[in-house]
């Protein structure tokens, strides 16, 4: 579905949602049922983001990008 962008492997913990922030780094935010967690930066590699693509952390821990279907500038 997507193509691998990052070369850094991110370790994943239960109860966190992983995403690529506006600054280009990977962040972990606690899910609603995780009351004790805090938002934290987990990746040290900066991802350069392009318009029209969605960025996500796959099950294997690497960052991927996928083209958005209905993207308009």
C-alpha atoms as a PDB file:
ATOM      1  CA  UNK A   1       0.000   0.000   0.000  1.00  0.00           C
ATOM      2  CA  UNK A   2       2.679   2.517   0.979  1.00  0.00           C
ATOM      3  CA  UNK A   3       6.361   3.011   0.343  1.00  0.00           C
ATOM      4  CA  UNK A   4       8.972   3.011   3.102  1.00  0.00           C
ATOM      5  CA  UNK A   5      10.341   6.485   3.848  1.00  0.00           C
ATOM      6  CA  UNK A   6      12.345   6.225   7.075  1.00  0.00           C
ATOM      7  CA  UNK A   7      15.296   4.046   7.946  1.00  0.00           C
ATOM      8  CA  UNK A   8      14.848   4.216  11.731  1.00  0.00           C
ATOM      9  CA  UNK A   9      12.876   1.443  13.444  1.00  0.00           C
ATOM     10  CA  UNK A  10      10.419   2.682  16.072  1.00  0.00           C
ATOM     11  CA  UNK A  11       9.657   0.471  19.068  1.00  0.00           C
ATOM     12  CA  UNK A  12       5.921   0.390  19.761  1.00  0.00           C
ATOM     13  CA  UNK A  13       4.190   0.152  23.150  1.00  0.00           C
ATOM     14  CA  UNK A  14       0.593  -0.819  23.831  1.00  0.00           C
ATOM     15  CA  UNK A  15      -1.769   2.056  24.603  1.00  0.00           C
ATOM     16  CA  UNK A  16      -0.107   4.638  22.314  1.00  0.00           C
ATOM     17  CA  UNK A  17      -0.970   6.085  18.919  1.00  0.00           C
ATOM     18  CA  UNK A  18       2.058   6.771  16.687  1.00  0.00           C
ATOM     19  CA  UNK A  19       2.124   9.553  14.089  1.00  0.00           C
ATOM     20  CA  UNK A  20       4.465  11.855  12.168  1.00  0.00           C
ATOM     21  CA  UNK A  21       4.008  15.388  13.508  1.00  0.00           C
ATOM     22  CA  UNK A  22       4.172  18.728  11.730  1.00  0.00           C
ATOM     23  CA  UNK A  23       7.832  19.015  12.713  1.00  0.00           C
ATOM     24  CA  UNK A  24       8.664  15.767  10.844  1.00  0.00           C
ATOM     25  CA  UNK A  25       9.475  13.612  13.879  1.00  0.00           C
ATOM     26  CA  UNK A  26       7.581  10.532  15.089  1.00  0.00           C
ATOM     27  CA  UNK A  27       5.451  11.134  18.177  1.00  0.00           C
ATOM     28  CA  UNK A  28       3.558   8.804  20.531  1.00  0.00           C
ATOM     29  CA  UNK A  29       0.298  10.017  22.081  1.00  0.00           C
ATOM     30  CA  UNK A  30      -1.616   8.016  24.700  1.00  0.00           C
ATOM     31  CA  UNK A  31      -4.947   6.517  23.693  1.00  0.00           C
ATOM     32  CA  UNK A  32      -8.052   7.383  25.681  1.00  0.00           C
ATOM     33  CA  UNK A  33      -7.882   4.231  27.831  1.00  0.00           C
ATOM     34  CA  UNK A  34      -4.212   4.924  28.738  1.00  0.00           C
ATOM     35  CA  UNK A  35      -4.691   7.341  31.663  1.00  0.00           C
ATOM     36  CA  UNK A  36      -1.061   7.442  32.846  1.00  0.00           C
ATOM     37  CA  UNK A  37       0.634   8.156  29.519  1.00  0.00           C
ATOM     38  CA  UNK A  38       1.975  11.447  28.164  1.00  0.00           C
ATOM     39  CA  UNK A  39       2.729  12.652  24.640  1.00  0.00           C
ATOM     40  CA  UNK A  40       6.406  12.077  23.766  1.00  0.00           C
ATOM     41  CA  UNK A  41       8.783  12.256  20.825  1.00  0.00           C
ATOM     42  CA  UNK A  42      10.058   8.759  20.012  1.00  0.00           C
ATOM     43  CA  UNK A  43      11.948   9.140  16.738  1.00  0.00           C
ATOM     44  CA  UNK A  44      15.225  10.963  16.132  1.00  0.00           C
ATOM     45  CA  UNK A  45      15.038  10.855  12.320  1.00  0.00           C
ATOM     46  CA  UNK A  46      13.353  13.846  10.626  1.00  0.00           C
ATOM     47  CA  UNK A  47      10.934  12.929   7.814  1.00  0.00           C
ATOM     48  CA  UNK A  48      10.478  15.484   5.038  1.00  0.00           C
ATOM     49  CA  UNK A  49       6.744  15.554   4.308  1.00  0.00           C
ATOM     50  CA  UNK A  50       5.155  16.185   0.911  1.00  0.00           C
ATOM     51  CA  UNK A  51       1.657  17.491   0.223  1.00  0.00           C
ATOM     52  CA  UNK A  52      -0.799  14.845  -0.948  1.00  0.00           C
ATOM     53  CA  UNK A  53       0.662  11.997   1.121  1.00  0.00           C
ATOM     54  CA  UNK A  54      -0.324  10.400   4.418  1.00  0.00           C
ATOM     55  CA  UNK A  55       2.499   9.306   6.739  1.00  0.00           C
ATOM     56  CA  UNK A  56       2.193   6.495   9.271  1.00  0.00           C
ATOM     57  CA  UNK A  57       4.210   4.010  11.327  1.00  0.00           C
ATOM     58  CA  UNK A  58       3.704   0.444  10.078  1.00  0.00           C
ATOM     59  CA  UNK A  59       3.450  -2.720  12.133  1.00  0.00           C
ATOM     60  CA  UNK A  60       7.153  -3.399  11.549  1.00  0.00           C
ATOM     61  CA  UNK A  61       8.098  -0.019  13.094  1.00  0.00           C
ATOM     62  CA  UNK A  62       9.194   1.888   9.975  1.00  0.00           C
ATOM     63  CA  UNK A  63       7.636   5.083   8.598  1.00  0.00           C
ATOM     64  CA  UNK A  64       5.635   4.728   5.368  1.00  0.00           C
ATOM     65  CA  UNK A  65       3.838   7.136   3.058  1.00  0.00           C
ATOM     66  CA  UNK A  66       0.714   6.559   0.985  1.00  0.00           C
ATOM     67  CA  UNK A  67      -0.790   8.786  -1.688  1.00  0.00           C
ATOM     68  CA  UNK A  68      -4.130  10.397  -0.815  1.00  0.00           C
ATOM     69  CA  UNK A  69      -6.848   9.646  -3.379  1.00  0.00           C
ATOM     70  CA  UNK A  70      -8.837  12.877  -3.454  1.00  0.00           C
ATOM     71  CA  UNK A  71      -6.119  15.426  -2.699  1.00  0.00           C
ATOM     72  CA  UNK A  72      -6.458  18.852  -4.319  1.00  0.00           C
ATOM     73  CA  UNK A  73      -4.107  21.804  -3.886  1.00  0.00           C
END
